[in-house]
Amino acid sequence: MTAASLVRTLRTLFGRQRSPILVPGLHGLPGGYPCVAGGGDLEVALPPGLTLADALAVNRDGQRADGITRIDDDGTVWLTARAQVGLKRAFGVGWDRLAPHTMTVLADDLSQRLHPNAGER
């Protein structure tokens, strides 16, 4: 999904015609932001009456609803207490954060919890 989103964003950004697009992570900000892009130019296009600070607040509220407290500059995702409880109930793990350098190990761990006999024949 991330790659597909990136391809769509780049096609729109470098296309000849300016088009509206939702850009995820604009300038490193959380969430997506409505923009107009084309010809290598990108311009934020918020609805009338909505400031960038308002849009940022909406996205931060959305993150919390998705179980994310914050995302550090290095990409570490910190989980809300509710998300931590959900992981513990569903998978028996009590992670409070997900760091990029640990993703492969965490994915393998979850895979084993979901499919404990996957490696056996």
PDB file of N, CA and C in Angstrom:
ATOM      1  N   MET A   1       0.824  -1.190   0.000  1.00  0.00           N
ATOM      2  CA  MET A   1       0.000   0.000   0.000  1.00  0.00           C
ATOM      3  C   MET A   1       0.869   1.256   0.000  1.00  0.00           C
ATOM      4  N   THR A   2       1.954   1.222   0.756  1.00  0.00           N
ATOM      5  CA  THR A   2       2.831   2.387   0.803  1.00  0.00           C
ATOM      6  C   THR A   2       3.442   2.660  -0.560  1.00  0.00           C
ATOM      7  N   ALA A   3       3.916   1.603  -1.217  1.00  0.00           N
ATOM      8  CA  ALA A   3       4.521   1.773  -2.548  1.00  0.00           C
ATOM      9  C   ALA A   3       3.492   2.283  -3.550  1.00  0.00           C
ATOM     10  N   ALA A   4       2.286   1.741  -3.507  1.00  0.00           N
ATOM     11  CA  ALA A   4       1.239   2.181  -4.433  1.00  0.00           C
ATOM     12  C   ALA A   4       0.911   3.651  -4.206  1.00  0.00           C
ATOM     13  N   SER A   5       0.853   4.066  -2.943  1.00  0.00           N
ATOM     14  CA  SER A   5       0.584   5.463  -2.623  1.00  0.00           C
ATOM     15  C   SER A   5       1.707   6.361  -3.137  1.00  0.00           C
ATOM     16  N   LEU A   6       2.935   5.914  -2.966  1.00  0.00           N
ATOM     17  CA  LEU A   6       4.080   6.696  -3.426  1.00  0.00           C
ATOM     18  C   LEU A   6       4.058   6.848  -4.945  1.00  0.00           C
ATOM     19  N   VAL A   7       3.797   5.755  -5.652  1.00  0.00           N
ATOM     20  CA  VAL A   7       3.753   5.806  -7.119  1.00  0.00           C
ATOM     21  C   VAL A   7       2.674   6.781  -7.578  1.00  0.00           C
ATOM     22  N   ARG A   8       1.502   6.702  -6.987  1.00  0.00           N
ATOM     23  CA  ARG A   8       0.409   7.610  -7.358  1.00  0.00           C
ATOM     24  C   ARG A   8       0.796   9.060  -7.092  1.00  0.00           C
ATOM     25  N   THR A   9       1.405   9.314  -5.936  1.00  0.00           N
ATOM     26  CA  THR A   9       1.816  10.674  -5.594  1.00  0.00           C
ATOM     27  C   THR A   9       2.853  11.188  -6.593  1.00  0.00           C
ATOM     28  N   LEU A  10       3.856  10.366  -6.920  1.00  0.00           N
ATOM     29  CA  LEU A  10       4.897  10.795  -7.853  1.00  0.00           C
ATOM     30  C   LEU A  10       4.349  11.013  -9.261  1.00  0.00           C
ATOM     31  N   ARG A  11       3.449  10.143  -9.709  1.00  0.00           N
ATOM     32  CA  ARG A  11       2.837  10.327 -11.030  1.00  0.00           C
ATOM     33  C   ARG A  11       2.070  11.644 -11.099  1.00  0.00           C
ATOM     34  N   THR A  12       1.339  11.940 -10.040  1.00  0.00           N
ATOM     35  CA  THR A  12       0.583  13.192 -10.010  1.00  0.00           C
ATOM     36  C   THR A  12       1.531  14.384  -9.923  1.00  0.00           C
ATOM     37  N   LEU A  13       2.531  14.287  -9.067  1.00  0.00           N
ATOM     38  CA  LEU A  13       3.471  15.379  -8.872  1.00  0.00           C
ATOM     39  C   LEU A  13       4.197  15.737 -10.172  1.00  0.00           C
ATOM     40  N   PHE A  14       4.620  14.730 -10.912  1.00  0.00           N
ATOM     41  CA  PHE A  14       5.400  14.988 -12.117  1.00  0.00           C
ATOM     42  C   PHE A  14       4.587  14.910 -13.404  1.00  0.00           C
ATOM     43  N   GLY A  15       3.267  14.772 -13.259  1.00  0.00           N
ATOM     44  CA  GLY A  15       2.395  14.796 -14.430  1.00  0.00           C
ATOM     45  C   GLY A  15       2.299  16.195 -15.008  1.00  0.00           C
ATOM     46  N   ARG A  16       1.803  16.278 -16.220  1.00  0.00           N
ATOM     47  CA  ARG A  16       1.692  17.578 -16.897  1.00  0.00           C
ATOM     48  C   ARG A  16       0.543  18.418 -16.346  1.00  0.00           C
ATOM     49  N   GLN A  17      -0.545  17.758 -15.971  1.00  0.00           N
ATOM     50  CA  GLN A  17      -1.741  18.466 -15.524  1.00  0.00           C
ATOM     51  C   GLN A  17      -1.758  18.538 -13.998  1.00  0.00           C
ATOM     52  N   ARG A  18      -2.086  19.706 -13.463  1.00  0.00           N
ATOM     53  CA  ARG A  18      -2.212  19.842 -12.005  1.00  0.00           C
ATOM     54  C   ARG A  18      -3.494  19.142 -11.562  1.00  0.00           C
ATOM     55  N   SER A  19      -3.371  18.326 -10.528  1.00  0.00           N
ATOM     56  CA  SER A  19      -4.502  17.530 -10.051  1.00  0.00           C
ATOM     57  C   SER A  19      -4.522  17.512  -8.530  1.00  0.00           C
ATOM     58  N   PRO A  20      -5.718  17.354  -7.956  1.00  0.00           N
ATOM     59  CA  PRO A  20      -5.790  17.221  -6.492  1.00  0.00           C
ATOM     60  C   PRO A  20      -5.299  15.840  -6.072  1.00  0.00           C
ATOM     61  N   ILE A  21      -4.661  15.796  -4.919  1.00  0.00           N
ATOM     62  CA  ILE A  21      -4.166  14.527  -4.385  1.00  0.00           C
ATOM     63  C   ILE A  21      -4.007  14.652  -2.876  1.00  0.00           C
ATOM     64  N   LEU A  22      -4.204  13.551  -2.175  1.00  0.00           N
ATOM     65  CA  LEU A  22      -3.947  13.503  -0.743  1.00  0.00           C
ATOM     66  C   LEU A  22      -2.517  13.016  -0.560  1.00  0.00           C
ATOM     67  N   VAL A  23      -1.687  13.817   0.085  1.00  0.00           N
ATOM     68  CA  VAL A  23      -0.276  13.480   0.248  1.00  0.00           C
ATOM     69  C   VAL A  23      -0.026  13.031   1.688  1.00  0.00           C
ATOM     70  N   PRO A  24       0.387  11.775   1.874  1.00  0.00           N
ATOM     71  CA  PRO A  24       0.691  11.301   3.230  1.00  0.00           C
ATOM     72  C   PRO A  24       2.054  11.825   3.688  1.00  0.00           C
ATOM     73  N   GLY A  25       2.133  12.165   4.959  1.00  0.00           N
ATOM     74  CA  GLY A  25       3.413  12.556   5.545  1.00  0.00           C
ATOM     75  C   GLY A  25       4.006  13.827   4.976  1.00  0.00           C
ATOM     76  N   LEU A  26       3.189  14.740   4.532  1.00  0.00           N
ATOM     77  CA  LEU A  26       3.662  15.993   3.941  1.00  0.00           C
ATOM     78  C   LEU A  26       4.619  16.695   4.893  1.00  0.00           C
ATOM     79  N   HIS A  27       5.816  17.001   4.424  1.00  0.00           N
ATOM     80  CA  HIS A  27       6.834  17.696   5.235  1.00  0.00           C
ATOM     81  C   HIS A  27       7.084  16.981   6.558  1.00  0.00           C
ATOM     82  N   GLY A  28       6.922  15.660   6.585  1.00  0.00           N
ATOM     83  CA  GLY A  28       7.151  14.888   7.804  1.00  0.00           C
ATOM     84  C   GLY A  28       6.029  14.947   8.821  1.00  0.00           C
ATOM     85  N   LEU A  29       4.904  15.556   8.435  1.00  0.00           N
ATOM     86  CA  LEU A  29       3.772  15.663   9.357  1.00  0.00           C
ATOM     87  C   LEU A  29       2.971  14.359   9.377  1.00  0.00           C
ATOM     88  N   PRO A  30       2.310  14.060  10.483  1.00  0.00           N
ATOM     89  CA  PRO A  30       1.499  12.848  10.540  1.00  0.00           C
ATOM     90  C   PRO A  30       0.239  12.980   9.688  1.00  0.00           C
ATOM     91  N   GLY A  31      -0.199  11.881   9.117  1.00  0.00           N
ATOM     92  CA  GLY A  31      -1.450  11.854   8.368  1.00  0.00           C
ATOM     93  C   GLY A  31      -1.304  12.331   6.941  1.00  0.00           C
ATOM     94  N   GLY A  32      -2.446  12.565   6.308  1.00  0.00           N
ATOM     95  CA  GLY A  32      -2.472  13.003   4.925  1.00  0.00           C
ATOM     96  C   GLY A  32      -3.029  14.411   4.810  1.00  0.00           C
ATOM     97  N   TYR A  33      -2.621  15.116   3.739  1.00  0.00           N
ATOM     98  CA  TYR A  33      -3.023  16.498   3.543  1.00  0.00           C
ATOM     99  C   TYR A  33      -3.439  16.704   2.094  1.00  0.00           C
ATOM    100  N   PRO A  34      -4.565  17.392   1.875  1.00  0.00           N
ATOM    101  CA  PRO A  34      -4.994  17.657   0.506  1.00  0.00           C
ATOM    102  C   PRO A  34      -4.044  18.651  -0.158  1.00  0.00           C
ATOM    103  N   CYS A  35      -3.636  18.312  -1.364  1.00  0.00           N
ATOM    104  CA  CYS A  35      -2.722  19.153  -2.119  1.00  0.00           C
ATOM    105  C   CYS A  35      -3.175  19.213  -3.573  1.00  0.00           C
ATOM    106  N   VAL A  36      -2.561  20.104  -4.312  1.00  0.00           N
ATOM    107  CA  VAL A  36      -2.669  20.137  -5.763  1.00  0.00           C
ATOM    108  C   VAL A  36      -1.243  19.961  -6.264  1.00  0.00           C
ATOM    109  N   ALA A  37      -1.054  19.019  -7.203  1.00  0.00           N
ATOM    110  CA  ALA A  37       0.285  18.718  -7.680  1.00  0.00           C
ATOM    111  C   ALA A  37       0.297  18.621  -9.196  1.00  0.00           C
ATOM    112  N   GLY A  38       1.461  18.853  -9.750  1.00  0.00           N
ATOM    113  CA  GLY A  38       1.659  18.710 -11.182  1.00  0.00           C
ATOM    114  C   GLY A  38       2.847  19.530 -11.635  1.00  0.00           C
ATOM    115  N   GLY A  39       3.498  19.070 -12.698  1.00  0.00           N
ATOM    116  CA  GLY A  39       4.644  19.794 -13.234  1.00  0.00           C
ATOM    117  C   GLY A  39       5.780  19.939 -12.250  1.00  0.00           C
ATOM    118  N   GLY A  40       5.885  19.014 -11.281  1.00  0.00           N
ATOM    119  CA  GLY A  40       6.946  19.074 -10.281  1.00  0.00           C
ATOM    120  C   GLY A  40       6.648  20.009  -9.124  1.00  0.00           C
ATOM    121  N   ASP A  41       5.455  20.580  -9.095  1.00  0.00           N
ATOM    122  CA  ASP A  41       5.070  21.524  -8.048  1.00  0.00           C
ATOM    123  C   ASP A  41       4.027  20.888  -7.141  1.00  0.00           C
ATOM    124  N   LEU A  42       4.121  21.178  -5.860  1.00  0.00           N
ATOM    125  CA  LEU A  42       3.176  20.663  -4.875  1.00  0.00           C
ATOM    126  C   LEU A  42       2.722  21.815  -3.988  1.00  0.00           C
ATOM    127  N   GLU A  43       1.414  21.956  -3.869  1.00  0.00           N
ATOM    128  CA  GLU A  43       0.852  23.053  -3.080  1.00  0.00           C
ATOM    129  C   GLU A  43      -0.228  22.503  -2.157  1.00  0.00           C
ATOM    130  N   VAL A  44      -0.154  22.851  -0.881  1.00  0.00           N
ATOM    131  CA  VAL A  44      -1.187  22.446   0.073  1.00  0.00           C
ATOM    132  C   VAL A  44      -2.483  23.144  -0.315  1.00  0.00           C
ATOM    133  N   ALA A  45      -3.584  22.384  -0.303  1.00  0.00           N
ATOM    134  CA  ALA A  45      -4.888  22.926  -0.713  1.00  0.00           C
ATOM    135  C   ALA A  45      -5.951  22.562   0.321  1.00  0.00           C
ATOM    136  N   LEU A  46      -5.830  23.152   1.484  1.00  0.00           N
ATOM    137  CA  LEU A  46      -6.789  22.873   2.555  1.00  0.00           C
ATOM    138  C   LEU A  46      -8.138  23.511   2.228  1.00  0.00           C
ATOM    139  N   PRO A  47      -9.216  22.903   2.725  1.00  0.00           N
ATOM    140  CA  PRO A  47     -10.531  23.505   2.518  1.00  0.00           C
ATOM    141  C   PRO A  47     -10.596  24.891   3.163  1.00  0.00           C
ATOM    142  N   PRO A  48     -11.430  25.781   2.627  1.00  0.00           N
ATOM    143  CA  PRO A  48     -11.559  27.113   3.215  1.00  0.00           C
ATOM    144  C   PRO A  48     -11.900  27.031   4.700  1.00  0.00           C
ATOM    145  N   GLY A  49     -11.212  27.828   5.492  1.00  0.00           N
ATOM    146  CA  GLY A  49     -11.470  27.884   6.922  1.00  0.00           C
ATOM    147  C   GLY A  49     -10.673  26.880   7.736  1.00  0.00           C
ATOM    148  N   LEU A  50      -9.953  25.976   7.083  1.00  0.00           N
ATOM    149  CA  LEU A  50      -9.154  24.984   7.798  1.00  0.00           C
ATOM    150  C   LEU A  50      -7.682  25.369   7.697  1.00  0.00           C
ATOM    151  N   THR A  51      -7.056  25.593   8.844  1.00  0.00           N
ATOM    152  CA  THR A  51      -5.634  25.943   8.852  1.00  0.00           C
ATOM    153  C   THR A  51      -4.787  24.678   8.896  1.00  0.00           C
ATOM    154  N   LEU A  52      -3.511  24.822   8.609  1.00  0.00           N
ATOM    155  CA  LEU A  52      -2.604  23.678   8.699  1.00  0.00           C
ATOM    156  C   LEU A  52      -2.550  23.166  10.134  1.00  0.00           C
ATOM    157  N   ALA A  53      -2.615  24.063  11.103  1.00  0.00           N
ATOM    158  CA  ALA A  53      -2.640  23.641  12.518  1.00  0.00           C
ATOM    159  C   ALA A  53      -3.894  22.813  12.807  1.00  0.00           C
ATOM    160  N   ASP A  54      -5.038  23.215  12.220  1.00  0.00           N
ATOM    161  CA  ASP A  54      -6.275  22.443  12.388  1.00  0.00           C
ATOM    162  C   ASP A  54      -6.118  21.049  11.773  1.00  0.00           C
ATOM    163  N   ALA A  55      -5.574  20.998  10.561  1.00  0.00           N
ATOM    164  CA  ALA A  55      -5.391  19.714   9.863  1.00  0.00           C
ATOM    165  C   ALA A  55      -4.443  18.816  10.652  1.00  0.00           C
ATOM    166  N   LEU A  56      -3.394  19.389  11.200  1.00  0.00           N
ATOM    167  CA  LEU A  56      -2.452  18.628  12.020  1.00  0.00           C
ATOM    168  C   LEU A  56      -3.154  18.057  13.246  1.00  0.00           C
ATOM    169  N   ALA A  57      -3.992  18.854  13.891  1.00  0.00           N
ATOM    170  CA  ALA A  57      -4.731  18.385  15.067  1.00  0.00           C
ATOM    171  C   ALA A  57      -5.672  17.240  14.699  1.00  0.00           C
ATOM    172  N   VAL A  58      -6.336  17.352  13.563  1.00  0.00           N
ATOM    173  CA  VAL A  58      -7.223  16.274  13.099  1.00  0.00           C
ATOM    174  C   VAL A  58      -6.423  14.987  12.895  1.00  0.00           C
ATOM    175  N   ASN A  59      -5.259  15.106  12.257  1.00  0.00           N
ATOM    176  CA  ASN A  59      -4.442  13.916  12.010  1.00  0.00           C
ATOM    177  C   ASN A  59      -3.886  13.318  13.295  1.00  0.00           C
ATOM    178  N   ARG A  60      -3.497  14.147  14.228  1.00  0.00           N
ATOM    179  CA  ARG A  60      -2.999  13.626  15.512  1.00  0.00           C
ATOM    180  C   ARG A  60      -4.121  12.925  16.279  1.00  0.00           C
ATOM    181  N   ASP A  61      -5.328  13.492  16.240  1.00  0.00           N
ATOM    182  CA  ASP A  61      -6.483  12.830  16.863  1.00  0.00           C
ATOM    183  C   ASP A  61      -6.740  11.481  16.193  1.00  0.00           C
ATOM    184  N   GLY A  62      -6.613  11.453  14.873  1.00  0.00           N
ATOM    185  CA  GLY A  62      -6.801  10.208  14.124  1.00  0.00           C
ATOM    186  C   GLY A  62      -5.767   9.158  14.492  1.00  0.00           C
ATOM    187  N   GLN A  63      -4.536   9.584  14.688  1.00  0.00           N
ATOM    188  CA  GLN A  63      -3.496   8.649  15.109  1.00  0.00           C
ATOM    189  C   GLN A  63      -3.856   8.016  16.446  1.00  0.00           C
ATOM    190  N   ARG A  64      -4.282   8.843  17.389  1.00  0.00           N
ATOM    191  CA  ARG A  64      -4.644   8.306  18.704  1.00  0.00           C
ATOM    192  C   ARG A  64      -5.799   7.313  18.572  1.00  0.00           C
ATOM    193  N   ALA A  65      -6.753   7.619  17.716  1.00  0.00           N
ATOM    194  CA  ALA A  65      -7.869   6.690  17.494  1.00  0.00           C
ATOM    195  C   ALA A  65      -7.369   5.387  16.886  1.00  0.00           C
ATOM    196  N   ASP A  66      -6.270   5.455  16.123  1.00  0.00           N
ATOM    197  CA  ASP A  66      -5.672   4.260  15.532  1.00  0.00           C
ATOM    198  C   ASP A  66      -4.704   3.550  16.479  1.00  0.00           C
ATOM    199  N   GLY A  67      -4.549   4.099  17.694  1.00  0.00           N
ATOM    200  CA  GLY A  67      -3.697   3.444  18.682  1.00  0.00           C
ATOM    201  C   GLY A  67      -2.269   3.949  18.730  1.00  0.00           C
ATOM    202  N   ILE A  68      -2.020   5.110  18.121  1.00  0.00           N
ATOM    203  CA  ILE A  68      -0.661   5.662  18.072  1.00  0.00           C
ATOM    204  C   ILE A  68      -0.594   6.915  18.933  1.00  0.00           C
ATOM    205  N   THR A  69       0.326   6.922  19.891  1.00  0.00           N
ATOM    206  CA  THR A  69       0.546   8.089  20.728  1.00  0.00           C
ATOM    207  C   THR A  69       1.361   9.130  19.981  1.00  0.00           C
ATOM    208  N   ARG A  70       2.463   8.660  19.365  1.00  0.00           N
ATOM    209  CA  ARG A  70       3.324   9.557  18.596  1.00  0.00           C
ATOM    210  C   ARG A  70       4.232   8.715  17.696  1.00  0.00           C
ATOM    211  N   ILE A  71       4.859   9.404  16.758  1.00  0.00           N
ATOM    212  CA  ILE A  71       5.857   8.776  15.895  1.00  0.00           C
ATOM    213  C   ILE A  71       7.109   9.631  15.983  1.00  0.00           C
ATOM    214  N   ASP A  72       8.209   9.025  16.405  1.00  0.00           N
ATOM    215  CA  ASP A  72       9.475   9.745  16.540  1.00  0.00           C
ATOM    216  C   ASP A  72      10.099  10.005  15.172  1.00  0.00           C
ATOM    217  N   ASP A  73      11.072  10.892  15.152  1.00  0.00           N
ATOM    218  CA  ASP A  73      11.764  11.226  13.900  1.00  0.00           C
ATOM    219  C   ASP A  73      12.428  10.020  13.258  1.00  0.00           C
ATOM    220  N   ASP A  74      12.837   9.034  14.068  1.00  0.00           N
ATOM    221  CA  ASP A  74      13.475   7.839  13.506  1.00  0.00           C
ATOM    222  C   ASP A  74      12.457   6.802  13.025  1.00  0.00           C
ATOM    223  N   GLY A  75      11.158   7.126  13.124  1.00  0.00           N
ATOM    224  CA  GLY A  75      10.114   6.217  12.664  1.00  0.00           C
ATOM    225  C   GLY A  75       9.546   5.313  13.736  1.00  0.00           C
ATOM    226  N   THR A  76      10.025   5.414  14.960  1.00  0.00           N
ATOM    227  CA  THR A  76       9.489   4.601  16.048  1.00  0.00           C
ATOM    228  C   THR A  76       8.059   5.027  16.348  1.00  0.00           C
ATOM    229  N   VAL A  77       7.164   4.050  16.346  1.00  0.00           N
ATOM    230  CA  VAL A  77       5.747   4.286  16.614  1.00  0.00           C
ATOM    231  C   VAL A  77       5.469   3.899  18.062  1.00  0.00           C
ATOM    232  N   TRP A  78       4.948   4.855  18.838  1.00  0.00           N
ATOM    233  CA  TRP A  78       4.587   4.611  20.231  1.00  0.00           C
ATOM    234  C   TRP A  78       3.093   4.340  20.301  1.00  0.00           C
ATOM    235  N   LEU A  79       2.723   3.258  20.966  1.00  0.00           N
ATOM    236  CA  LEU A  79       1.333   2.818  21.032  1.00  0.00           C
ATOM    237  C   LEU A  79       0.615   3.358  22.266  1.00  0.00           C
ATOM    238  N   THR A  80      -0.680   3.602  22.108  1.00  0.00           N
ATOM    239  CA  THR A  80      -1.499   4.010  23.246  1.00  0.00           C
ATOM    240  C   THR A  80      -1.664   2.817  24.192  1.00  0.00           C
ATOM    241  N   ALA A  81      -2.054   3.096  25.415  1.00  0.00           N
ATOM    242  CA  ALA A  81      -2.294   2.023  26.387  1.00  0.00           C
ATOM    243  C   ALA A  81      -3.360   1.064  25.857  1.00  0.00           C
ATOM    244  N   ARG A  82      -4.391   1.607  25.227  1.00  0.00           N
ATOM    245  CA  ARG A  82      -5.460   0.760  24.680  1.00  0.00           C
ATOM    246  C   ARG A  82      -4.930  -0.182  23.588  1.00  0.00           C
ATOM    247  N   ALA A  83      -4.068   0.325  22.717  1.00  0.00           N
ATOM    248  CA  ALA A  83      -3.483  -0.517  21.670  1.00  0.00           C
ATOM    249  C   ALA A  83      -2.592  -1.600  22.287  1.00  0.00           C
ATOM    250  N   GLN A  84      -1.856  -1.234  23.330  1.00  0.00           N
ATOM    251  CA  GLN A  84      -1.000  -2.207  24.005  1.00  0.00           C
ATOM    252  C   GLN A  84      -1.831  -3.337  24.603  1.00  0.00           C
ATOM    253  N   VAL A  85      -2.950  -2.990  25.226  1.00  0.00           N
ATOM    254  CA  VAL A  85      -3.843  -3.995  25.805  1.00  0.00           C
ATOM    255  C   VAL A  85      -4.413  -4.878  24.694  1.00  0.00           C
ATOM    256  N   GLY A  86      -4.792  -4.276  23.575  1.00  0.00           N
ATOM    257  CA  GLY A  86      -5.313  -5.042  22.449  1.00  0.00           C
ATOM    258  C   GLY A  86      -4.299  -6.035  21.901  1.00  0.00           C
ATOM    259  N   LEU A  87      -3.044  -5.608  21.771  1.00  0.00           N
ATOM    260  CA  LEU A  87      -1.989  -6.523  21.320  1.00  0.00           C
ATOM    261  C   LEU A  87      -1.797  -7.667  22.303  1.00  0.00           C
ATOM    262  N   LYS A  88      -1.825  -7.319  23.579  1.00  0.00           N
ATOM    263  CA  LYS A  88      -1.634  -8.347  24.620  1.00  0.00           C
ATOM    264  C   LYS A  88      -2.761  -9.375  24.560  1.00  0.00           C
ATOM    265  N   ARG A  89      -4.007  -8.896  24.411  1.00  0.00           N
ATOM    266  CA  ARG A  89      -5.150  -9.813  24.331  1.00  0.00           C
ATOM    267  C   ARG A  89      -5.115 -10.666  23.068  1.00  0.00           C
ATOM    268  N   ALA A  90      -4.806 -10.037  21.956  1.00  0.00           N
ATOM    269  CA  ALA A  90      -4.859 -10.738  20.674  1.00  0.00           C
ATOM    270  C   ALA A  90      -3.663 -11.646  20.434  1.00  0.00           C
ATOM    271  N   PHE A  91      -2.467 -11.191  20.834  1.00  0.00           N
ATOM    272  CA  PHE A  91      -1.256 -11.926  20.472  1.00  0.00           C
ATOM    273  C   PHE A  91      -0.385 -12.335  21.649  1.00  0.00           C
ATOM    274  N   GLY A  92      -0.740 -11.882  22.853  1.00  0.00           N
ATOM    275  CA  GLY A  92       0.062 -12.245  24.015  1.00  0.00           C
ATOM    276  C   GLY A  92       1.366 -11.479  24.114  1.00  0.00           C
ATOM    277  N   VAL A  93       1.465 -10.339  23.449  1.00  0.00           N
ATOM    278  CA  VAL A  93       2.673  -9.516  23.522  1.00  0.00           C
ATOM    279  C   VAL A  93       2.317  -8.165  24.113  1.00  0.00           C
ATOM    280  N   GLY A  94       3.270  -7.542  24.787  1.00  0.00           N
ATOM    281  CA  GLY A  94       3.016  -6.270  25.434  1.00  0.00           C
ATOM    282  C   GLY A  94       3.909  -5.158  24.932  1.00  0.00           C
ATOM    283  N   TRP A  95       4.007  -4.992  23.630  1.00  0.00           N
ATOM    284  CA  TRP A  95       4.872  -3.947  23.080  1.00  0.00           C
ATOM    285  C   TRP A  95       4.284  -2.568  23.340  1.00  0.00           C
ATOM    286  N   ASP A  96       5.165  -1.625  23.700  1.00  0.00           N
ATOM    287  CA  ASP A  96       4.720  -0.239  23.862  1.00  0.00           C
ATOM    288  C   ASP A  96       5.153   0.620  22.686  1.00  0.00           C
ATOM    289  N   ARG A  97       6.085   0.094  21.868  1.00  0.00           N
ATOM    290  CA  ARG A  97       6.567   0.820  20.693  1.00  0.00           C
ATOM    291  C   ARG A  97       7.013  -0.159  19.618  1.00  0.00           C
ATOM    292  N   LEU A  98       7.019   0.336  18.403  1.00  0.00           N
ATOM    293  CA  LEU A  98       7.463  -0.447  17.257  1.00  0.00           C
ATOM    294  C   LEU A  98       8.530   0.376  16.545  1.00  0.00           C
ATOM    295  N   ALA A  99       9.772  -0.052  16.651  1.00  0.00           N
ATOM    296  CA  ALA A  99      10.885   0.679  16.044  1.00  0.00           C
ATOM    297  C   ALA A  99      11.217   0.068  14.684  1.00  0.00           C
ATOM    298  N   PRO A 100      11.573   0.894  13.713  1.00  0.00           N
ATOM    299  CA  PRO A 100      11.853   0.374  12.368  1.00  0.00           C
ATOM    300  C   PRO A 100      12.891  -0.750  12.346  1.00  0.00           C
ATOM    301  N   HIS A 101      13.946  -0.636  13.145  1.00  0.00           N
ATOM    302  CA  HIS A 101      15.001  -1.651  13.113  1.00  0.00           C
ATOM    303  C   HIS A 101      14.557  -2.983  13.740  1.00  0.00           C
ATOM    304  N   THR A 102      13.385  -3.021  14.390  1.00  0.00           N
ATOM    305  CA  THR A 102      12.903  -4.266  14.995  1.00  0.00           C
ATOM    306  C   THR A 102      11.732  -4.881  14.219  1.00  0.00           C
ATOM    307  N   MET A 103      11.312  -4.251  13.128  1.00  0.00           N
ATOM    308  CA  MET A 103      10.106  -4.701  12.423  1.00  0.00           C
ATOM    309  C   MET A 103      10.180  -6.138  11.920  1.00  0.00           C
ATOM    310  N   THR A 104      11.316  -6.548  11.392  1.00  0.00           N
ATOM    311  CA  THR A 104      11.440  -7.910  10.877  1.00  0.00           C
ATOM    312  C   THR A 104      11.283  -8.926  12.003  1.00  0.00           C
ATOM    313  N   VAL A 105      11.926  -8.672  13.126  1.00  0.00           N
ATOM    314  CA  VAL A 105      11.831  -9.569  14.276  1.00  0.00           C
ATOM    315  C   VAL A 105      10.395  -9.609  14.800  1.00  0.00           C
ATOM    316  N   LEU A 106       9.755  -8.437  14.910  1.00  0.00           N
ATOM    317  CA  LEU A 106       8.380  -8.384  15.411  1.00  0.00           C
ATOM    318  C   LEU A 106       7.421  -9.079  14.450  1.00  0.00           C
ATOM    319  N   ALA A 107       7.617  -8.892  13.158  1.00  0.00           N
ATOM    320  CA  ALA A 107       6.761  -9.556  12.157  1.00  0.00           C
ATOM    321  C   ALA A 107       6.925 -11.070  12.232  1.00  0.00           C
ATOM    322  N   ASP A 108       8.151 -11.545  12.372  1.00  0.00           N
ATOM    323  CA  ASP A 108       8.393 -12.987  12.502  1.00  0.00           C
ATOM    324  C   ASP A 108       7.739 -13.531  13.766  1.00  0.00           C
ATOM    325  N   ASP A 109       7.838 -12.782  14.865  1.00  0.00           N
ATOM    326  CA  ASP A 109       7.227 -13.190  16.123  1.00  0.00           C
ATOM    327  C   ASP A 109       5.706 -13.305  15.973  1.00  0.00           C
ATOM    328  N   LEU A 110       5.068 -12.291  15.380  1.00  0.00           N
ATOM    329  CA  LEU A 110       3.622 -12.336  15.181  1.00  0.00           C
ATOM    330  C   LEU A 110       3.224 -13.477  14.253  1.00  0.00           C
ATOM    331  N   SER A 111       4.014 -13.687  13.211  1.00  0.00           N
ATOM    332  CA  SER A 111       3.724 -14.772  12.275  1.00  0.00           C
ATOM    333  C   SER A 111       3.747 -16.123  12.989  1.00  0.00           C
ATOM    334  N   GLN A 112       4.719 -16.323  13.858  1.00  0.00           N
ATOM    335  CA  GLN A 112       4.801 -17.575  14.612  1.00  0.00           C
ATOM    336  C   GLN A 112       3.624 -17.726  15.574  1.00  0.00           C
ATOM    337  N   ARG A 113       3.180 -16.619  16.152  1.00  0.00           N
ATOM    338  CA  ARG A 113       2.031 -16.671  17.060  1.00  0.00           C
ATOM    339  C   ARG A 113       0.745 -17.006  16.300  1.00  0.00           C
ATOM    340  N   LEU A 114       0.642 -16.489  15.078  1.00  0.00           N
ATOM    341  CA  LEU A 114      -0.560 -16.733  14.262  1.00  0.00           C
ATOM    342  C   LEU A 114      -0.531 -18.116  13.603  1.00  0.00           C
ATOM    343  N   HIS A 115       0.653 -18.543  13.200  1.00  0.00           N
ATOM    344  CA  HIS A 115       0.813 -19.808  12.483  1.00  0.00           C
ATOM    345  C   HIS A 115       1.956 -20.602  13.092  1.00  0.00           C
ATOM    346  N   PRO A 116       1.774 -21.151  14.294  1.00  0.00           N
ATOM    347  CA  PRO A 116       2.873 -21.784  15.015  1.00  0.00           C
ATOM    348  C   PRO A 116       3.490 -22.989  14.295  1.00  0.00           C
ATOM    349  N   ASN A 117       2.751 -23.637  13.421  1.00  0.00           N
ATOM    350  CA  ASN A 117       3.268 -24.810  12.734  1.00  0.00           C
ATOM    351  C   ASN A 117       3.656 -24.525  11.280  1.00  0.00           C
ATOM    352  N   ALA A 118       3.823 -23.277  10.922  1.00  0.00           N
ATOM    353  CA  ALA A 118       4.064 -22.895   9.518  1.00  0.00           C
ATOM    354  C   ALA A 118       5.358 -23.495   8.982  1.00  0.00           C
ATOM    355  N   GLY A 119       6.377 -23.648   9.798  1.00  0.00           N
ATOM    356  CA  GLY A 119       7.639 -24.160   9.314  1.00  0.00           C
ATOM    357  C   GLY A 119       7.722 -25.675   9.251  1.00  0.00           C
ATOM    358  N   GLU A 120       6.711 -26.366   9.758  1.00  0.00           N
ATOM    359  CA  GLU A 120       6.732 -27.824   9.778  1.00  0.00           C
ATOM    360  C   GLU A 120       6.057 -28.397   8.549  1.00  0.00           C
ATOM    361  N   ARG A 121       6.484 -29.557   8.139  1.00  0.00           N
ATOM    362  CA  ARG A 121       5.842 -30.248   7.005  1.00  0.00           C
ATOM    363  C   ARG A 121       5.443 -31.620   7.398  1.00  0.00           C
TER     364      ARG A 121
END
